[in-house]
N, C-alpha and C. Protein backbone atom coordinates (compact mmCIF):
# COMPACT_ATOMS: atom_id res chain seq x y z
N MET A 1 25.26 104.84 7.04
CA MET A 1 25.77 104.67 8.39
C MET A 1 27.18 104.10 8.39
N GLU A 2 27.37 103.05 7.57
CA GLU A 2 28.68 102.42 7.48
C GLU A 2 29.71 103.40 6.95
N GLU A 3 29.31 104.22 5.98
CA GLU A 3 30.23 105.21 5.42
C GLU A 3 30.66 106.21 6.48
N ASN A 4 29.72 106.64 7.32
CA ASN A 4 30.05 107.58 8.40
C ASN A 4 31.02 106.95 9.40
N GLU A 5 30.80 105.67 9.70
CA GLU A 5 31.69 104.97 10.63
C GLU A 5 33.10 104.87 10.05
N ASN A 6 33.19 104.54 8.78
CA ASN A 6 34.49 104.46 8.14
C ASN A 6 35.20 105.81 8.14
N THR A 7 34.44 106.86 7.92
CA THR A 7 35.00 108.21 7.92
C THR A 7 35.53 108.57 9.30
N THR A 8 34.77 108.23 10.33
CA THR A 8 35.18 108.52 11.71
C THR A 8 36.44 107.73 12.06
N LEU A 9 36.45 106.47 11.74
CA LEU A 9 37.62 105.64 12.04
C LEU A 9 38.85 106.14 11.31
N ARG A 10 38.68 106.51 10.04
CA ARG A 10 39.80 107.03 9.26
C ARG A 10 40.31 108.33 9.86
N ALA A 11 39.41 109.18 10.32
CA ALA A 11 39.82 110.45 10.93
C ALA A 11 40.62 110.20 12.20
N ILE A 12 40.20 109.24 12.99
CA ILE A 12 40.92 108.91 14.23
C ILE A 12 42.30 108.37 13.93
N THR A 13 42.40 107.43 13.01
CA THR A 13 43.70 106.82 12.73
C THR A 13 44.67 107.81 12.08
N GLU A 14 44.18 108.68 11.22
CA GLU A 14 45.06 109.67 10.60
C GLU A 14 45.54 110.68 11.64
N ALA A 15 44.65 111.10 12.52
CA ALA A 15 45.04 112.02 13.59
C ALA A 15 46.04 111.35 14.52
N ALA A 16 45.84 110.06 14.79
CA ALA A 16 46.74 109.33 15.66
C ALA A 16 48.13 109.19 15.05
N LYS A 17 48.20 108.92 13.77
CA LYS A 17 49.50 108.82 13.11
C LYS A 17 50.28 110.11 13.26
N THR A 18 49.59 111.23 13.08
CA THR A 18 50.25 112.53 13.23
C THR A 18 50.71 112.76 14.66
N GLU A 19 49.83 112.49 15.60
CA GLU A 19 50.15 112.72 17.02
C GLU A 19 51.30 111.82 17.48
N PHE A 20 51.25 110.54 17.15
CA PHE A 20 52.31 109.62 17.54
C PHE A 20 53.63 109.95 16.85
N SER A 21 53.55 110.35 15.59
CA SER A 21 54.77 110.69 14.84
C SER A 21 55.45 111.92 15.44
N GLU A 22 54.67 112.87 15.88
CA GLU A 22 55.23 114.11 16.42
C GLU A 22 55.71 113.97 17.86
N LYS A 23 55.02 113.15 18.66
CA LYS A 23 55.30 113.13 20.10
C LYS A 23 55.69 111.77 20.64
N GLY A 24 55.65 110.74 19.80
CA GLY A 24 55.91 109.40 20.29
C GLY A 24 54.72 108.88 21.08
N PHE A 25 54.74 107.58 21.37
CA PHE A 25 53.61 106.99 22.08
C PHE A 25 53.45 107.61 23.47
N ARG A 26 54.54 107.74 24.21
CA ARG A 26 54.45 108.24 25.58
C ARG A 26 53.91 109.66 25.63
N GLY A 27 54.35 110.51 24.71
CA GLY A 27 53.96 111.91 24.75
C GLY A 27 52.64 112.20 24.08
N ALA A 28 52.13 111.25 23.34
CA ALA A 28 50.88 111.47 22.60
C ALA A 28 49.70 111.57 23.56
N SER A 29 48.77 112.42 23.21
CA SER A 29 47.59 112.67 24.04
C SER A 29 46.33 112.23 23.32
N LEU A 30 45.52 111.43 24.00
CA LEU A 30 44.24 111.04 23.41
C LEU A 30 43.37 112.27 23.18
N ARG A 31 43.47 113.23 24.08
CA ARG A 31 42.69 114.46 23.93
C ARG A 31 43.04 115.15 22.63
N ASN A 32 44.34 115.21 22.31
CA ASN A 32 44.76 115.85 21.06
C ASN A 32 44.31 115.05 19.85
N ILE A 33 44.38 113.73 19.95
CA ILE A 33 43.96 112.89 18.84
C ILE A 33 42.47 113.09 18.54
N VAL A 34 41.67 113.09 19.59
CA VAL A 34 40.23 113.30 19.42
C VAL A 34 39.95 114.68 18.83
N LYS A 35 40.70 115.67 19.31
CA LYS A 35 40.51 117.03 18.81
C LYS A 35 40.89 117.13 17.33
N LYS A 36 42.03 116.57 16.98
CA LYS A 36 42.48 116.62 15.59
C LYS A 36 41.53 115.86 14.66
N ALA A 37 40.97 114.77 15.18
CA ALA A 37 40.05 113.97 14.38
C ALA A 37 38.67 114.60 14.31
N ASN A 38 38.43 115.60 15.17
CA ASN A 38 37.13 116.28 15.22
C ASN A 38 36.01 115.29 15.54
N VAL A 39 36.29 114.44 16.55
CA VAL A 39 35.28 113.49 17.02
C VAL A 39 35.18 113.62 18.54
N THR A 40 34.16 113.02 19.10
CA THR A 40 33.99 113.05 20.55
C THR A 40 34.81 111.93 21.19
N THR A 41 35.08 112.09 22.49
CA THR A 41 35.77 111.03 23.22
C THR A 41 34.96 109.74 23.19
N GLY A 42 33.66 109.87 23.28
CA GLY A 42 32.79 108.70 23.20
C GLY A 42 32.93 107.97 21.89
N ALA A 43 33.05 108.74 20.81
CA ALA A 43 33.23 108.13 19.49
C ALA A 43 34.54 107.35 19.45
N PHE A 44 35.58 107.93 20.03
CA PHE A 44 36.88 107.25 20.07
C PHE A 44 36.76 105.90 20.77
N TYR A 45 36.15 105.91 21.95
CA TYR A 45 36.05 104.67 22.72
C TYR A 45 35.09 103.67 22.10
N GLY A 46 34.37 104.09 21.11
CA GLY A 46 33.55 103.15 20.36
C GLY A 46 34.40 102.27 19.45
N TYR A 47 35.64 102.71 19.20
CA TYR A 47 36.55 101.96 18.33
C TYR A 47 37.73 101.36 19.08
N PHE A 48 38.24 102.08 20.06
CA PHE A 48 39.44 101.65 20.76
C PHE A 48 39.26 101.80 22.27
N LYS A 49 39.79 100.84 23.02
CA LYS A 49 39.67 100.88 24.47
C LYS A 49 40.73 101.77 25.11
N SER A 50 41.84 101.98 24.41
CA SER A 50 42.95 102.71 25.00
C SER A 50 43.90 103.23 23.93
N LYS A 51 44.83 104.04 24.37
CA LYS A 51 45.88 104.54 23.48
C LYS A 51 46.74 103.37 22.98
N GLU A 52 46.98 102.39 23.85
CA GLU A 52 47.76 101.22 23.47
C GLU A 52 47.09 100.44 22.35
N GLU A 53 45.80 100.25 22.48
CA GLU A 53 45.07 99.51 21.45
C GLU A 53 45.07 100.26 20.13
N LEU A 54 44.99 101.56 20.20
CA LEU A 54 45.04 102.38 18.99
C LEU A 54 46.38 102.24 18.30
N PHE A 55 47.46 102.33 19.06
CA PHE A 55 48.80 102.21 18.49
C PHE A 55 48.98 100.83 17.86
N ASP A 56 48.51 99.82 18.56
CA ASP A 56 48.60 98.45 18.04
C ASP A 56 47.84 98.32 16.74
N ALA A 57 46.68 98.95 16.64
CA ALA A 57 45.88 98.90 15.42
C ALA A 57 46.61 99.55 14.25
N LEU A 58 47.42 100.54 14.54
CA LEU A 58 48.14 101.26 13.49
C LEU A 58 49.32 100.46 12.94
N VAL A 59 50.04 99.76 13.82
CA VAL A 59 51.31 99.17 13.40
C VAL A 59 51.41 97.65 13.56
N GLY A 60 50.43 97.05 14.19
CA GLY A 60 50.53 95.62 14.49
C GLY A 60 50.71 94.75 13.27
N GLU A 61 49.95 95.00 12.24
CA GLU A 61 50.04 94.18 11.02
C GLU A 61 51.42 94.30 10.38
N GLN A 62 51.94 95.51 10.33
CA GLN A 62 53.24 95.73 9.70
C GLN A 62 54.37 95.08 10.52
N ALA A 63 54.31 95.24 11.84
CA ALA A 63 55.34 94.65 12.69
C ALA A 63 55.34 93.13 12.57
N GLU A 64 54.16 92.55 12.57
CA GLU A 64 54.05 91.10 12.47
C GLU A 64 54.57 90.60 11.12
N HIS A 65 54.23 91.33 10.05
CA HIS A 65 54.68 90.91 8.72
C HIS A 65 56.21 90.95 8.63
N MET A 66 56.82 92.04 9.09
CA MET A 66 58.27 92.15 9.02
C MET A 66 58.95 91.07 9.83
N MET A 67 58.48 90.86 11.07
CA MET A 67 59.12 89.87 11.93
C MET A 67 58.94 88.46 11.38
N ASN A 68 57.76 88.14 10.91
CA ASN A 68 57.52 86.80 10.36
C ASN A 68 58.36 86.55 9.11
N THR A 69 58.50 87.57 8.27
CA THR A 69 59.33 87.44 7.07
C THR A 69 60.77 87.15 7.46
N TYR A 70 61.23 87.86 8.46
CA TYR A 70 62.62 87.69 8.93
C TYR A 70 62.83 86.31 9.54
N ILE A 71 61.90 85.86 10.36
CA ILE A 71 62.01 84.54 11.00
C ILE A 71 61.97 83.44 9.95
N ARG A 72 61.09 83.56 8.97
CA ARG A 72 61.01 82.55 7.91
C ARG A 72 62.33 82.43 7.16
N ALA A 73 62.98 83.56 6.93
CA ALA A 73 64.26 83.53 6.23
C ALA A 73 65.30 82.78 7.06
N GLN A 74 65.31 83.02 8.36
CA GLN A 74 66.26 82.32 9.23
C GLN A 74 65.98 80.82 9.23
N GLU A 75 64.72 80.46 9.26
CA GLU A 75 64.34 79.04 9.26
C GLU A 75 64.70 78.39 7.93
N SER A 76 64.53 79.11 6.84
CA SER A 76 64.86 78.57 5.51
C SER A 76 66.35 78.32 5.40
N PHE A 77 67.15 79.24 5.92
CA PHE A 77 68.61 79.07 5.86
C PHE A 77 69.03 77.88 6.73
N ALA A 78 68.44 77.77 7.92
CA ALA A 78 68.80 76.68 8.83
C ALA A 78 68.42 75.32 8.26
N ALA A 79 67.44 75.29 7.38
CA ALA A 79 66.98 74.03 6.78
C ALA A 79 67.90 73.54 5.67
N LEU A 80 68.81 74.39 5.20
CA LEU A 80 69.75 74.00 4.16
C LEU A 80 70.80 73.03 4.73
N THR A 81 71.40 72.26 3.87
CA THR A 81 72.50 71.40 4.31
C THR A 81 73.68 72.28 4.70
N PRO A 82 74.61 71.76 5.52
CA PRO A 82 75.79 72.55 5.89
C PRO A 82 76.53 73.10 4.67
N GLU A 83 76.67 72.26 3.65
CA GLU A 83 77.38 72.70 2.44
C GLU A 83 76.63 73.83 1.73
N GLU A 84 75.32 73.71 1.69
CA GLU A 84 74.50 74.76 1.06
C GLU A 84 74.57 76.05 1.86
N GLN A 85 74.59 75.94 3.18
CA GLN A 85 74.70 77.15 4.00
C GLN A 85 76.02 77.86 3.73
N LEU A 86 77.10 77.11 3.69
CA LEU A 86 78.41 77.72 3.44
C LEU A 86 78.47 78.38 2.07
N ALA A 87 77.92 77.70 1.06
CA ALA A 87 77.97 78.23 -0.29
C ALA A 87 77.02 79.42 -0.48
N GLY A 88 75.96 79.47 0.30
CA GLY A 88 74.94 80.49 0.08
C GLY A 88 74.86 81.56 1.15
N VAL A 89 75.97 81.77 1.86
CA VAL A 89 75.98 82.80 2.90
C VAL A 89 75.52 84.14 2.33
N GLY A 90 74.54 84.72 2.95
CA GLY A 90 74.05 86.03 2.52
C GLY A 90 72.94 85.96 1.49
N GLY A 91 72.74 84.79 0.87
CA GLY A 91 71.74 84.70 -0.17
C GLY A 91 70.32 84.79 0.34
N VAL A 92 69.96 83.89 1.26
CA VAL A 92 68.61 83.87 1.81
C VAL A 92 68.32 85.14 2.59
N SER A 93 69.27 85.55 3.42
CA SER A 93 69.05 86.76 4.22
C SER A 93 68.97 87.99 3.33
N GLY A 94 69.73 87.98 2.23
CA GLY A 94 69.69 89.11 1.32
C GLY A 94 68.34 89.25 0.65
N GLU A 95 67.78 88.12 0.22
CA GLU A 95 66.45 88.14 -0.38
C GLU A 95 65.41 88.62 0.63
N CYS A 96 65.59 88.19 1.89
CA CYS A 96 64.67 88.62 2.95
C CYS A 96 64.74 90.13 3.15
N MET A 97 65.95 90.67 3.19
CA MET A 97 66.11 92.11 3.39
C MET A 97 65.54 92.90 2.22
N ASP A 98 65.68 92.38 1.02
CA ASP A 98 65.07 93.02 -0.15
C ASP A 98 63.55 93.04 -0.02
N GLU A 99 63.00 91.91 0.43
CA GLU A 99 61.55 91.80 0.57
C GLU A 99 61.02 92.76 1.64
N ILE A 100 61.71 92.81 2.76
CA ILE A 100 61.28 93.70 3.84
C ILE A 100 61.42 95.15 3.41
N LEU A 101 62.49 95.47 2.68
CA LEU A 101 62.69 96.84 2.23
C LEU A 101 61.53 97.30 1.36
N GLU A 102 61.14 96.44 0.42
CA GLU A 102 60.03 96.78 -0.46
C GLU A 102 58.75 96.99 0.37
N TYR A 103 58.58 96.18 1.38
CA TYR A 103 57.38 96.26 2.21
C TYR A 103 57.35 97.54 3.04
N ILE A 104 58.45 97.87 3.69
CA ILE A 104 58.43 99.05 4.56
C ILE A 104 58.28 100.35 3.77
N TYR A 105 58.70 100.32 2.50
CA TYR A 105 58.50 101.51 1.68
C TYR A 105 57.05 101.66 1.24
N ARG A 106 56.28 100.60 1.41
CA ARG A 106 54.83 100.71 1.19
C ARG A 106 54.13 101.24 2.45
N TYR A 107 54.80 101.10 3.58
CA TYR A 107 54.22 101.53 4.86
C TYR A 107 55.24 102.36 5.64
N PRO A 108 55.66 103.49 5.08
CA PRO A 108 56.72 104.27 5.75
C PRO A 108 56.30 104.86 7.09
N VAL A 109 55.08 105.36 7.17
CA VAL A 109 54.63 105.98 8.42
C VAL A 109 54.56 104.94 9.53
N GLU A 110 53.94 103.82 9.24
CA GLU A 110 53.81 102.76 10.24
C GLU A 110 55.19 102.24 10.67
N THR A 111 56.09 102.10 9.71
CA THR A 111 57.43 101.61 10.05
C THR A 111 58.15 102.59 10.96
N LYS A 112 58.04 103.87 10.66
CA LYS A 112 58.70 104.87 11.50
C LYS A 112 58.09 104.91 12.90
N LEU A 113 56.80 104.67 12.99
CA LEU A 113 56.17 104.61 14.32
C LEU A 113 56.77 103.47 15.13
N ILE A 114 56.97 102.33 14.51
CA ILE A 114 57.57 101.19 15.20
C ILE A 114 59.00 101.50 15.62
N LEU A 115 59.77 102.07 14.71
CA LEU A 115 61.20 102.27 14.94
C LEU A 115 61.51 103.45 15.85
N CYS A 116 60.72 104.51 15.75
CA CYS A 116 61.08 105.77 16.40
C CYS A 116 60.12 106.25 17.48
N CYS A 117 58.92 105.71 17.51
CA CYS A 117 57.89 106.30 18.36
C CYS A 117 57.19 105.30 19.27
N SER A 118 57.76 104.11 19.44
CA SER A 118 57.04 103.04 20.13
C SER A 118 57.43 102.81 21.58
N GLU A 119 58.29 103.68 22.12
CA GLU A 119 58.67 103.50 23.52
C GLU A 119 57.42 103.51 24.41
N GLY A 120 57.33 102.50 25.28
CA GLY A 120 56.16 102.39 26.13
C GLY A 120 55.13 101.40 25.59
N THR A 121 55.41 100.82 24.42
CA THR A 121 54.51 99.81 23.83
C THR A 121 55.26 98.49 23.72
N LYS A 122 54.54 97.46 23.30
CA LYS A 122 55.17 96.16 23.12
C LYS A 122 56.11 96.12 21.92
N TYR A 123 56.14 97.20 21.16
CA TYR A 123 57.00 97.25 19.97
C TYR A 123 58.33 97.96 20.23
N GLU A 124 58.55 98.44 21.44
CA GLU A 124 59.74 99.26 21.68
C GLU A 124 61.04 98.45 21.52
N ASN A 125 60.96 97.13 21.67
CA ASN A 125 62.16 96.29 21.50
C ASN A 125 62.14 95.53 20.18
N PHE A 126 61.41 96.05 19.21
CA PHE A 126 61.26 95.36 17.93
C PHE A 126 62.60 95.06 17.28
N VAL A 127 63.46 96.07 17.16
CA VAL A 127 64.76 95.86 16.51
C VAL A 127 65.64 94.98 17.37
N HIS A 128 65.58 95.17 18.68
CA HIS A 128 66.38 94.34 19.58
C HIS A 128 66.02 92.87 19.43
N GLU A 129 64.75 92.58 19.24
CA GLU A 129 64.32 91.19 19.03
C GLU A 129 64.94 90.63 17.75
N MET A 130 65.00 91.44 16.71
CA MET A 130 65.64 91.01 15.47
C MET A 130 67.13 90.74 15.70
N VAL A 131 67.76 91.61 16.47
CA VAL A 131 69.19 91.43 16.79
C VAL A 131 69.41 90.11 17.50
N GLU A 132 68.56 89.80 18.47
CA GLU A 132 68.71 88.55 19.22
C GLU A 132 68.51 87.33 18.32
N ILE A 133 67.57 87.41 17.40
CA ILE A 133 67.34 86.31 16.46
C ILE A 133 68.57 86.13 15.57
N GLU A 134 69.13 87.24 15.10
CA GLU A 134 70.32 87.18 14.25
C GLU A 134 71.50 86.61 15.01
N ALA A 135 71.65 86.99 16.27
CA ALA A 135 72.75 86.47 17.08
C ALA A 135 72.62 84.96 17.26
N GLU A 136 71.42 84.50 17.54
CA GLU A 136 71.20 83.06 17.69
C GLU A 136 71.51 82.33 16.39
N ALA A 137 71.10 82.91 15.26
CA ALA A 137 71.38 82.29 13.96
C ALA A 137 72.88 82.25 13.70
N THR A 138 73.59 83.27 14.13
CA THR A 138 75.05 83.31 13.96
C THR A 138 75.70 82.19 14.75
N HIS A 139 75.22 81.94 15.96
CA HIS A 139 75.76 80.85 16.78
C HIS A 139 75.53 79.50 16.10
N LYS A 140 74.34 79.31 15.55
CA LYS A 140 74.03 78.05 14.87
C LYS A 140 74.92 77.86 13.65
N PHE A 141 75.13 78.96 12.90
CA PHE A 141 75.98 78.87 11.71
C PHE A 141 77.42 78.58 12.12
N ASN A 142 77.84 79.12 13.24
CA ASN A 142 79.19 78.84 13.75
C ASN A 142 79.35 77.34 14.00
N SER A 143 78.32 76.71 14.56
CA SER A 143 78.37 75.27 14.80
C SER A 143 78.42 74.50 13.48
N VAL A 144 77.69 74.98 12.48
CA VAL A 144 77.72 74.35 11.17
C VAL A 144 79.13 74.39 10.59
N LEU A 145 79.78 75.54 10.71
CA LEU A 145 81.15 75.67 10.19
C LEU A 145 82.09 74.71 10.90
N GLN A 146 81.93 74.58 12.20
CA GLN A 146 82.79 73.67 12.95
C GLN A 146 82.56 72.22 12.53
N ASP A 147 81.29 71.87 12.28
CA ASP A 147 80.98 70.52 11.82
C ASP A 147 81.60 70.24 10.45
N LEU A 148 81.80 71.29 9.66
CA LEU A 148 82.42 71.15 8.35
C LEU A 148 83.95 71.14 8.45
N GLY A 149 84.46 71.26 9.67
CA GLY A 149 85.90 71.26 9.87
C GLY A 149 86.55 72.61 9.69
N ILE A 150 85.74 73.67 9.69
CA ILE A 150 86.27 75.03 9.53
C ILE A 150 86.44 75.65 10.91
N GLU A 151 87.62 76.14 11.18
CA GLU A 151 87.91 76.75 12.48
C GLU A 151 87.32 78.15 12.53
N SER A 152 86.04 78.21 12.77
CA SER A 152 85.35 79.49 12.84
C SER A 152 85.66 80.19 14.16
N ARG A 153 85.81 81.49 14.11
CA ARG A 153 86.11 82.28 15.30
C ARG A 153 84.87 83.07 15.71
N LEU A 154 84.10 82.51 16.61
CA LEU A 154 82.90 83.20 17.07
C LEU A 154 83.31 84.42 17.88
N LEU A 155 82.59 85.51 17.68
CA LEU A 155 82.96 86.78 18.27
C LEU A 155 82.71 86.83 19.77
N ASN A 156 83.39 87.75 20.40
CA ASN A 156 83.01 88.13 21.75
C ASN A 156 81.55 88.56 21.72
N PRO A 157 80.71 88.08 22.64
CA PRO A 157 79.27 88.38 22.58
C PRO A 157 78.96 89.87 22.54
N LYS A 158 79.74 90.68 23.24
CA LYS A 158 79.48 92.12 23.25
C LYS A 158 79.76 92.72 21.88
N LEU A 159 80.87 92.33 21.28
CA LEU A 159 81.20 92.84 19.95
C LEU A 159 80.19 92.33 18.93
N GLU A 160 79.80 91.08 19.07
CA GLU A 160 78.80 90.51 18.16
C GLU A 160 77.51 91.32 18.21
N HIS A 161 77.07 91.64 19.42
CA HIS A 161 75.84 92.42 19.59
C HIS A 161 75.98 93.81 18.96
N ILE A 162 77.13 94.43 19.14
CA ILE A 162 77.36 95.77 18.58
C ILE A 162 77.30 95.72 17.06
N LEU A 163 77.95 94.74 16.46
CA LEU A 163 77.99 94.65 15.00
C LEU A 163 76.62 94.36 14.41
N ILE A 164 75.88 93.45 15.03
CA ILE A 164 74.55 93.13 14.52
C ILE A 164 73.60 94.31 14.70
N SER A 165 73.69 94.96 15.86
CA SER A 165 72.86 96.15 16.08
C SER A 165 73.17 97.23 15.07
N GLY A 166 74.46 97.39 14.77
CA GLY A 166 74.86 98.39 13.77
C GLY A 166 74.33 98.06 12.39
N MET A 167 74.27 96.79 12.07
CA MET A 167 73.75 96.37 10.77
C MET A 167 72.28 96.76 10.63
N PHE A 168 71.49 96.47 11.67
CA PHE A 168 70.07 96.82 11.60
C PHE A 168 69.87 98.33 11.65
N ALA A 169 70.69 99.02 12.42
CA ALA A 169 70.57 100.47 12.47
C ALA A 169 70.82 101.06 11.09
N ALA A 170 71.84 100.57 10.39
CA ALA A 170 72.14 101.05 9.04
C ALA A 170 71.01 100.73 8.09
N TYR A 171 70.45 99.54 8.23
CA TYR A 171 69.37 99.10 7.36
C TYR A 171 68.15 100.01 7.49
N PHE A 172 67.75 100.27 8.71
CA PHE A 172 66.53 101.05 8.92
C PHE A 172 66.75 102.56 8.79
N GLU A 173 68.00 102.99 8.73
CA GLU A 173 68.27 104.41 8.49
C GLU A 173 67.64 104.88 7.19
N MET A 174 67.55 103.99 6.23
CA MET A 174 67.02 104.36 4.91
C MET A 174 65.60 104.88 5.00
N ILE A 175 64.76 104.18 5.74
CA ILE A 175 63.37 104.60 5.84
C ILE A 175 63.20 105.73 6.83
N ILE A 176 64.01 105.72 7.88
CA ILE A 176 63.91 106.78 8.89
C ILE A 176 64.21 108.14 8.28
N HIS A 177 65.19 108.17 7.37
CA HIS A 177 65.61 109.44 6.77
C HIS A 177 65.06 109.65 5.36
N ASP A 178 64.02 108.90 5.02
CA ASP A 178 63.29 109.13 3.76
C ASP A 178 64.16 109.03 2.52
N MET A 179 65.07 108.09 2.51
CA MET A 179 65.86 107.86 1.31
C MET A 179 64.95 107.34 0.19
N PRO A 180 65.05 107.88 -1.01
CA PRO A 180 64.23 107.36 -2.12
C PRO A 180 64.44 105.86 -2.30
N TYR A 181 63.38 105.17 -2.68
CA TYR A 181 63.42 103.71 -2.72
C TYR A 181 64.50 103.17 -3.65
N ASP A 182 64.63 103.72 -4.85
CA ASP A 182 65.64 103.23 -5.78
C ASP A 182 67.05 103.41 -5.21
N GLU A 183 67.25 104.53 -4.53
CA GLU A 183 68.55 104.77 -3.90
C GLU A 183 68.77 103.79 -2.76
N ALA A 184 67.71 103.51 -2.01
CA ALA A 184 67.80 102.57 -0.89
C ALA A 184 68.17 101.17 -1.36
N ARG A 185 67.65 100.77 -2.49
CA ARG A 185 67.97 99.44 -3.02
C ARG A 185 69.47 99.32 -3.32
N GLY A 186 70.04 100.38 -3.90
CA GLY A 186 71.48 100.37 -4.16
C GLY A 186 72.28 100.39 -2.88
N TYR A 187 71.80 101.16 -1.93
CA TYR A 187 72.44 101.25 -0.62
C TYR A 187 72.44 99.89 0.06
N LEU A 188 71.32 99.18 -0.02
CA LEU A 188 71.21 97.87 0.61
C LEU A 188 72.17 96.87 -0.03
N LYS A 189 72.32 96.93 -1.33
CA LYS A 189 73.24 96.03 -2.02
C LYS A 189 74.65 96.21 -1.50
N GLU A 190 75.07 97.46 -1.33
CA GLU A 190 76.41 97.74 -0.82
C GLU A 190 76.53 97.34 0.64
N LEU A 191 75.47 97.54 1.40
CA LEU A 191 75.46 97.18 2.81
C LEU A 191 75.63 95.67 2.97
N ARG A 192 74.93 94.91 2.14
CA ARG A 192 75.03 93.45 2.19
C ARG A 192 76.45 93.00 1.85
N THR A 193 77.04 93.60 0.82
CA THR A 193 78.41 93.25 0.44
C THR A 193 79.38 93.52 1.58
N PHE A 194 79.21 94.66 2.20
CA PHE A 194 80.09 95.07 3.30
C PHE A 194 80.00 94.10 4.47
N TYR A 195 78.78 93.78 4.90
CA TYR A 195 78.62 92.93 6.08
C TYR A 195 78.95 91.48 5.79
N THR A 196 78.67 90.99 4.59
CA THR A 196 79.04 89.61 4.27
C THR A 196 80.55 89.44 4.30
N ALA A 197 81.26 90.39 3.70
CA ALA A 197 82.72 90.32 3.71
C ALA A 197 83.27 90.45 5.13
N GLY A 198 82.64 91.30 5.91
CA GLY A 198 83.08 91.51 7.28
C GLY A 198 82.93 90.26 8.13
N TRP A 199 81.78 89.61 8.02
CA TRP A 199 81.55 88.39 8.79
C TRP A 199 82.49 87.27 8.32
N GLN A 200 82.71 87.19 7.03
CA GLN A 200 83.63 86.17 6.52
C GLN A 200 85.04 86.37 7.08
N SER A 201 85.45 87.62 7.15
CA SER A 201 86.78 87.92 7.66
C SER A 201 86.89 87.62 9.16
N ILE A 202 85.89 88.05 9.92
CA ILE A 202 85.96 87.89 11.37
C ILE A 202 85.79 86.43 11.78
N MET A 203 84.89 85.71 11.12
CA MET A 203 84.62 84.33 11.51
C MET A 203 85.57 83.34 10.83
N GLY A 204 86.31 83.82 9.84
CA GLY A 204 87.37 82.99 9.25
C GLY A 204 86.90 81.90 8.31
N PHE A 205 85.87 82.20 7.49
CA PHE A 205 85.45 81.17 6.54
C PHE A 205 85.45 81.74 5.13
């Protein structure tokens, strides 16, 4: 009995991944998912109450892991002394980005669902939330630089938002376009070098 239930659940989730990937959350049809899974509507509702709950079941763990990893990195950097922050710019965040990269390549389908197919769900602003966290961290680091006597030049908020959004867009392009993992690691290294130098130049430290 348990084996049959696992088979049914697996059929539903695999059909859902295909449907959401092809049509996005808004365009996806429960009728199509049930049909592709070759189960009854009643069987579906035995596992999920709604399309929203199904989508959450597919990507919730991955979204939470990525966001928590990112937040922990920001907190770790903020916990450093001002001198350590200045000396280690890019170090903690770089390790975080490496860790997240390795993780999303273990869950490429789920990651793409979050990034490309989540409009209409609580995940549709996932990247925007990361951008806002990064912007807040930038403001805090700007204050640290000023406390160290460095005349940091904080950006115009609009330009700051554009640059941070562009950074995340470039980062996630790797998984969206199926770049091989080894190639993505090299790409990320160059991306980090580019953005670290850019921020140093613009903020004047």
